[in-house]
Amino acid sequence: MTELVVAIDGPAGAGKSTVTRRVAEALGYTVVDTGALYRTVAHQAEQRGVSWDDAAAVTQVARELAAEDAIRFGPTQSGMTKVFVRGEDVSTAIRSSEMSQGASKVSAIAGVRDALLTMQRTLGARGGVVLEGRDIGTVVFPDAGAKFFLTASVEVRAERRYQEHVARGDSIDRALVRQEVAERDARDTQRPVAPLRQASDAILVDSSSMSIDEVVAFIVDKVHGLEAAAAKAPK
């Protein structure tokens, strides 16, 4: 069987993390959580007292993390990929609403994206991986064998995010969550560096009225078809 690079892009709250994990499990592939990389940069910058608006300083944080190969992924537990920085488990810390906003800001910095690009490509070079983010199919792996753009309406995505906060015991206003999702959409699609957009050859998956099971089954079926086609293609 030919193992592919599977790219799943899409806006915040589309369910990419859950879908990516379950698709990888179904295919026997490895998850490379690119969003966690940017959340980790935001977290490490905050830990050092570096403002997310200080592009030069945040870039330096990212470069040091990349040079040291400081970020490692562990096994998925309770639906969340374990993330370690120099051996410290930051999995929970980087999943806060604050770090979500921080990830959006630092990911718009060209130096940060450059620092993490090689790391992402190295992690996925051999195939048999599923990566999710906002520019996987357009920038990180433009030649990925399977590309998907997973989205849903703002209302649906905001409600999903709200329910995630409730499940964690967070006290947060539903309207504020919707505002944050809309603001992040604007930042991600309008940023000058690697803006969020659907790759021309990506398969659109609108999950507004689909269950997670339906989305996963759809993507897995498509990947199996692409694997078979790749196996038959002349070398």
Protein backbone atom coordinates (compact mmCIF):
# COMPACT_ATOMS: atom_id res chain seq x y z
CA MET A 1 0.00 0.00 0.00
CA THR A 2 1.19 3.50 -0.83
CA GLU A 3 1.04 5.72 2.24
CA LEU A 4 0.20 9.34 1.54
CA VAL A 5 0.52 12.73 3.16
CA VAL A 6 -3.03 13.71 4.11
CA ALA A 7 -3.58 17.47 4.51
CA ILE A 8 -6.67 18.71 6.32
CA ASP A 9 -7.03 22.50 6.28
CA GLY A 10 -9.86 24.67 7.50
CA PRO A 11 -10.96 27.46 9.84
CA ALA A 12 -11.10 27.39 13.63
CA GLY A 13 -13.82 25.22 15.11
CA ALA A 14 -14.34 23.08 12.03
CA GLY A 15 -13.44 19.93 13.96
CA LYS A 16 -10.04 19.44 12.33
CA SER A 17 -8.28 18.11 15.43
CA THR A 18 -10.88 15.44 16.21
CA VAL A 19 -11.28 14.46 12.57
CA THR A 20 -7.53 14.33 12.01
CA ARG A 21 -7.00 12.05 15.00
CA ARG A 22 -9.78 9.67 14.02
CA VAL A 23 -8.78 9.61 10.34
CA ALA A 24 -5.19 8.78 11.34
CA GLU A 25 -6.42 5.98 13.62
CA ALA A 26 -8.60 4.53 10.85
CA LEU A 27 -5.77 4.64 8.32
CA GLY A 28 -3.02 3.56 10.68
CA TYR A 29 -1.28 6.88 10.02
CA THR A 30 0.55 9.24 12.40
CA VAL A 31 -0.85 12.63 13.44
CA VAL A 32 1.38 15.69 13.01
CA ASP A 33 -0.48 18.44 14.89
CA THR A 34 0.73 21.62 13.20
CA GLY A 35 -1.72 23.80 15.09
CA ALA A 36 -0.12 22.63 18.32
CA LEU A 37 3.24 23.88 17.05
CA TYR A 38 1.92 27.44 16.76
CA ARG A 39 0.08 27.22 20.06
CA THR A 40 3.34 26.07 21.63
CA VAL A 41 5.25 29.02 20.20
CA ALA A 42 2.59 31.36 21.61
CA HIS A 43 2.80 29.61 24.98
CA GLN A 44 6.59 29.73 25.11
CA ALA A 45 6.59 33.40 24.11
CA GLU A 46 4.15 34.16 26.92
CA GLN A 47 6.28 32.19 29.37
CA ARG A 48 9.21 34.44 28.49
CA GLY A 49 7.16 37.61 28.73
CA VAL A 50 7.37 38.18 24.96
CA SER A 51 4.44 40.03 23.39
CA TRP A 52 2.76 38.18 20.51
CA ASP A 53 2.90 41.48 18.60
CA ASP A 54 6.71 41.59 18.81
CA ALA A 55 7.46 39.79 15.55
CA ALA A 56 11.25 39.75 15.98
CA ALA A 57 11.16 38.38 19.52
CA VAL A 58 8.51 35.75 18.75
CA THR A 59 10.47 34.67 15.69
CA GLN A 60 13.53 34.17 17.89
CA VAL A 61 11.50 31.97 20.24
CA ALA A 62 10.32 29.87 17.29
CA ARG A 63 13.81 29.58 15.82
CA GLU A 64 15.23 28.35 19.11
CA LEU A 65 12.48 25.74 19.45
CA ALA A 66 13.11 24.53 15.89
CA ALA A 67 16.92 24.52 16.24
CA GLU A 68 16.73 22.51 19.45
CA ASP A 69 14.07 20.17 18.03
CA ALA A 70 12.44 21.01 21.36
CA ILE A 71 8.83 20.10 20.50
CA ARG A 72 7.79 16.45 20.58
CA PHE A 73 4.44 14.77 20.06
CA GLY A 74 3.29 11.95 22.28
CA PRO A 75 0.38 9.52 21.97
CA THR A 76 -3.16 10.83 21.75
CA GLN A 77 -5.03 10.57 25.03
CA SER A 78 -8.67 11.49 25.71
CA GLY A 79 -8.91 12.93 22.22
CA MET A 80 -5.93 15.26 22.67
CA THR A 81 -2.44 14.89 21.22
CA LYS A 82 0.22 15.09 23.92
CA VAL A 83 2.76 17.87 23.35
CA PHE A 84 6.08 18.22 25.15
CA VAL A 85 8.56 21.09 25.17
CA ARG A 86 12.00 20.05 26.36
CA GLY A 87 10.32 17.18 28.18
CA GLU A 88 7.61 19.30 29.84
CA ASP A 89 4.00 18.35 29.11
CA VAL A 90 2.24 21.49 27.82
CA SER A 91 -0.72 19.67 26.27
CA THR A 92 -3.37 21.28 28.46
CA ALA A 93 -1.75 24.71 28.72
CA ILE A 94 -1.68 25.26 24.95
CA ARG A 95 -5.36 24.36 24.50
CA SER A 96 -6.80 27.40 26.30
CA SER A 97 -8.86 30.05 24.49
CA GLU A 98 -6.03 32.51 25.11
CA MET A 99 -3.48 30.27 23.39
CA SER A 100 -5.89 29.81 20.48
CA GLN A 101 -5.84 33.56 19.93
CA GLY A 102 -2.09 33.63 20.46
CA ALA A 103 -1.57 30.91 17.85
CA SER A 104 -3.54 32.94 15.33
CA LYS A 105 -1.33 35.96 15.97
CA VAL A 106 2.07 34.27 15.94
CA SER A 107 1.20 32.17 12.89
CA ALA A 108 0.84 35.39 10.90
CA ILE A 109 4.53 36.19 11.48
CA ALA A 110 6.66 35.22 8.50
CA GLY A 111 9.70 34.36 10.61
CA VAL A 112 7.69 31.98 12.77
CA ARG A 113 6.25 30.18 9.78
CA ASP A 114 9.71 29.85 8.23
CA ALA A 115 11.14 28.46 11.46
CA LEU A 116 8.49 25.77 11.72
CA LEU A 117 8.14 24.90 8.03
CA THR A 118 11.17 22.64 7.89
CA MET A 119 10.09 20.93 11.11
CA GLN A 120 6.67 20.14 9.66
CA ARG A 121 8.08 18.85 6.39
CA THR A 122 10.59 16.64 8.17
CA LEU A 123 7.85 15.16 10.35
CA GLY A 124 5.76 14.30 7.29
CA ALA A 125 8.41 13.48 4.70
CA ARG A 126 7.94 9.70 4.65
CA GLY A 127 4.18 9.76 4.19
CA GLY A 128 1.69 7.86 6.28
CA VAL A 129 0.84 11.05 8.16
CA VAL A 130 -2.17 13.28 8.64
CA LEU A 131 -1.53 16.99 9.17
CA GLU A 132 -4.11 19.62 9.99
CA GLY A 133 -3.80 23.37 9.89
CA ARG A 134 -4.55 26.33 7.67
CA ASP A 135 -1.88 26.12 4.97
CA ILE A 136 -0.88 22.45 4.87
CA GLY A 137 -2.19 21.81 1.36
CA THR A 138 -1.18 25.22 0.00
CA VAL A 139 2.26 25.86 1.55
CA VAL A 140 3.63 23.09 3.77
CA PHE A 141 2.78 20.12 1.51
CA PRO A 142 1.50 21.54 -1.80
CA ASP A 143 2.12 18.10 -3.38
CA ALA A 144 0.26 16.15 -0.67
CA GLY A 145 -1.40 13.06 -2.07
CA ALA A 146 -4.72 13.78 -0.33
CA LYS A 147 -6.02 17.27 0.46
CA PHE A 148 -9.21 18.25 2.24
CA PHE A 149 -10.71 21.59 3.25
CA LEU A 150 -12.91 21.03 6.30
CA THR A 151 -15.29 23.83 7.18
CA ALA A 152 -18.72 24.66 8.67
CA SER A 153 -20.79 27.79 9.20
CA VAL A 154 -19.60 30.35 11.76
CA GLU A 155 -22.62 29.59 13.95
CA VAL A 156 -21.94 25.86 14.00
CA ARG A 157 -18.22 26.30 14.64
CA ALA A 158 -18.80 28.82 17.44
CA GLU A 159 -21.28 26.49 19.15
CA ARG A 160 -18.77 23.64 18.97
CA ARG A 161 -16.10 25.80 20.55
CA TYR A 162 -18.53 26.94 23.24
CA GLN A 163 -19.43 23.36 24.12
CA GLU A 164 -15.71 22.47 24.34
CA HIS A 165 -15.24 25.25 26.92
CA VAL A 166 -18.30 24.09 28.86
CA ALA A 167 -16.98 20.52 28.90
CA ARG A 168 -13.71 21.79 30.38
CA GLY A 169 -15.59 23.70 33.05
CA ASP A 170 -14.74 27.14 31.61
CA SER A 171 -17.05 30.05 32.36
CA ILE A 172 -17.45 31.88 29.06
CA ASP A 173 -20.15 33.78 27.18
CA ARG A 174 -21.55 32.09 24.05
CA ALA A 175 -21.65 35.43 22.16
CA LEU A 176 -18.01 36.07 23.03
CA VAL A 177 -17.01 32.70 21.58
CA ARG A 178 -18.81 33.51 18.33
CA GLN A 179 -17.03 36.87 18.20
CA GLU A 180 -13.66 35.21 18.75
CA VAL A 181 -14.32 32.68 15.97
CA ALA A 182 -15.35 35.42 13.55
CA GLU A 183 -12.31 37.54 14.46
CA ARG A 184 -9.99 34.60 13.98
CA ASP A 185 -11.53 33.88 10.58
CA ALA A 186 -10.80 37.46 9.57
CA ARG A 187 -7.19 37.30 10.75
CA ASP A 188 -6.52 33.91 9.18
CA THR A 189 -7.99 34.75 5.78
CA GLN A 190 -6.62 38.28 5.53
CA ARG A 191 -3.08 37.83 6.81
CA PRO A 192 -0.38 38.57 4.22
CA VAL A 193 1.61 35.41 5.02
CA ALA A 194 0.10 32.03 4.05
CA PRO A 195 -3.55 33.07 4.44
CA LEU A 196 -6.24 30.46 5.01
CA ARG A 197 -7.66 29.34 1.68
CA GLN A 198 -8.80 26.16 0.02
CA ALA A 199 -6.19 24.58 -2.25
CA SER A 200 -7.44 24.30 -5.81
CA ASP A 201 -7.14 20.50 -5.68
CA ALA A 202 -8.51 20.04 -2.15
CA ILE A 203 -11.79 18.23 -1.57
CA LEU A 204 -14.31 20.49 0.21
CA VAL A 205 -16.01 18.96 3.25
CA ASP A 206 -18.75 21.13 4.80
CA SER A 207 -19.48 19.53 8.16
CA SER A 208 -22.29 21.92 9.19
CA SER A 209 -24.87 19.15 8.96
CA MET A 210 -22.54 16.15 9.21
CA SER A 211 -21.60 14.11 12.26
CA ILE A 212 -17.98 13.44 13.11
CA ASP A 213 -18.49 9.80 12.11
CA GLU A 214 -19.79 10.87 8.70
CA VAL A 215 -16.89 13.26 8.11
CA VAL A 216 -14.30 10.66 9.11
CA ALA A 217 -15.89 7.96 6.97
CA PHE A 218 -16.01 10.29 3.96
CA ILE A 219 -12.34 11.29 4.25
CA VAL A 220 -11.09 7.76 4.93
CA ASP A 221 -12.97 6.45 1.90
CA LYS A 222 -11.46 9.17 -0.31
CA VAL A 223 -7.94 8.47 0.99
CA HIS A 224 -8.29 4.75 0.31
CA GLY A 225 -9.25 5.58 -3.27
CA LEU A 226 -6.26 7.90 -3.65
CA GLU A 227 -3.93 5.29 -2.13
CA ALA A 228 -5.10 2.74 -4.66
CA ALA A 229 -4.64 5.19 -7.52
CA ALA A 230 -1.13 6.10 -6.31
CA ALA A 231 -0.19 2.41 -6.10
CA LYS A 232 -1.18 1.89 -9.73
CA ALA A 233 0.52 5.02 -11.03
CA PRO A 234 3.77 4.49 -12.96
CA LYS A 235 6.85 5.17 -10.85
